[in-house]
């Protein structure tokens, strides 16, 4: 038996949820990893470079917002909030707990 949502055939449960609820695989708009950080470990140099670029993007968006672009202003606020978050997997790894077992490293 095949399942379709609209004209798209559904092959996995994740794909079903994406199509049923209107989620996209890669969200349009801001690159969340740029502001929040990647799920994979990054070096100190990579982190510094990513944060420098993220701060420049936020400053540019804020400047566009001040010139009247409401979407850019909201994007700047969202990106700034993402800068203060940590992915759960990264937080658990930093805390020294194995994700699979829950035991201390």
Protein backbone atom coordinates (compact mmCIF):
# COMPACT_ATOMS: atom_id res chain seq x y z
CA UNK A 1 0.00 0.00 0.00
CA UNK A 2 1.32 3.46 -0.87
CA UNK A 3 0.65 6.66 1.01
CA UNK A 4 0.40 10.04 -0.69
CA UNK A 5 -0.02 13.53 0.68
CA UNK A 6 -0.95 15.79 -2.19
CA UNK A 7 1.08 14.58 -5.14
CA UNK A 8 4.06 13.43 -2.99
CA UNK A 9 4.53 9.76 -2.10
CA UNK A 10 5.43 9.25 1.56
CA UNK A 11 8.24 6.77 2.24
CA UNK A 12 9.12 7.33 5.93
CA UNK A 13 7.33 8.48 9.07
CA UNK A 14 9.53 11.59 9.18
CA UNK A 15 8.54 12.45 5.63
CA UNK A 16 4.89 11.88 6.55
CA UNK A 17 5.13 14.39 9.41
CA UNK A 18 6.94 16.93 7.21
CA UNK A 19 4.32 16.72 4.50
CA UNK A 20 1.31 16.47 6.80
CA UNK A 21 2.29 19.41 8.97
CA UNK A 22 3.94 21.48 6.24
CA UNK A 23 7.49 21.24 7.55
CA UNK A 24 10.35 21.55 5.11
CA UNK A 25 13.51 19.46 5.30
CA UNK A 26 15.73 22.50 5.20
CA UNK A 27 13.99 25.56 6.63
CA UNK A 28 14.05 28.70 4.57
CA UNK A 29 15.49 31.85 6.08
CA UNK A 30 18.22 31.98 8.68
CA UNK A 31 20.88 29.29 8.98
CA UNK A 32 20.19 28.12 12.54
CA UNK A 33 23.58 26.41 12.87
CA UNK A 34 25.35 29.72 12.24
CA UNK A 35 23.83 31.25 15.36
CA UNK A 36 23.17 28.25 17.60
CA UNK A 37 26.22 26.23 16.64
CA UNK A 38 26.49 22.91 14.84
CA UNK A 39 25.46 19.62 16.43
CA UNK A 40 28.93 18.21 15.71
CA UNK A 41 31.96 19.39 17.70
CA UNK A 42 33.83 22.39 16.33
CA UNK A 43 37.34 23.64 16.97
CA UNK A 44 38.06 26.85 18.84
CA UNK A 45 39.03 28.56 15.58
CA UNK A 46 35.86 27.39 13.82
CA UNK A 47 33.73 28.60 16.72
CA UNK A 48 35.42 32.01 16.77
CA UNK A 49 34.97 32.42 13.01
CA UNK A 50 31.31 31.29 13.18
CA UNK A 51 30.55 33.71 16.01
CA UNK A 52 32.24 36.61 14.19
CA UNK A 53 30.13 36.00 11.09
CA UNK A 54 26.97 35.53 13.17
CA UNK A 55 27.51 38.86 14.95
CA UNK A 56 28.04 40.62 11.59
CA UNK A 57 24.84 39.09 10.18
CA UNK A 58 22.86 40.16 13.27
CA UNK A 59 24.26 43.70 13.00
CA UNK A 60 23.31 43.84 9.30
CA UNK A 61 19.80 42.55 10.01
CA UNK A 62 19.35 45.03 12.86
CA UNK A 63 20.49 47.89 10.59
CA UNK A 64 17.99 46.81 7.92
CA UNK A 65 15.32 46.67 10.62
CA UNK A 66 16.10 50.23 11.69
CA UNK A 67 15.64 51.30 8.06
CA UNK A 68 12.11 49.90 8.12
CA UNK A 69 12.45 46.22 7.16
CA UNK A 70 10.25 44.56 9.78
CA UNK A 71 11.16 41.00 8.72
CA UNK A 72 14.88 41.75 9.07
CA UNK A 73 14.23 43.21 12.52
CA UNK A 74 12.43 40.05 13.65
CA UNK A 75 15.17 37.90 12.10
CA UNK A 76 17.78 39.87 14.06
CA UNK A 77 15.89 39.23 17.31
CA UNK A 78 15.49 35.53 16.52
CA UNK A 79 19.15 35.12 15.55
CA UNK A 80 20.25 36.96 18.68
CA UNK A 81 18.14 34.60 20.82
CA UNK A 82 19.64 31.58 19.05
CA UNK A 83 23.11 32.83 20.02
CA UNK A 84 22.16 32.14 23.65
CA UNK A 85 21.01 28.54 23.10
CA UNK A 86 22.93 25.27 23.12
CA UNK A 87 21.84 22.13 21.28
CA UNK A 88 20.86 19.44 23.78
CA UNK A 89 23.27 16.87 22.32
CA UNK A 90 26.13 19.34 22.59
CA UNK A 91 25.19 20.26 26.18
CA UNK A 92 25.10 16.60 27.23
CA UNK A 93 28.47 15.93 25.62
CA UNK A 94 30.03 18.96 27.30
CA UNK A 95 28.59 17.89 30.65
CA UNK A 96 30.46 14.58 30.28
CA UNK A 97 27.46 12.28 30.06
CA UNK A 98 27.18 9.56 27.44
CA UNK A 99 24.01 10.11 25.43
CA UNK A 100 23.32 6.41 24.84
CA UNK A 101 23.71 5.15 28.43
CA UNK A 102 23.29 8.21 30.61
CA UNK A 103 26.48 7.30 32.47
CA UNK A 104 29.19 9.79 33.35
CA UNK A 105 32.21 9.97 31.07
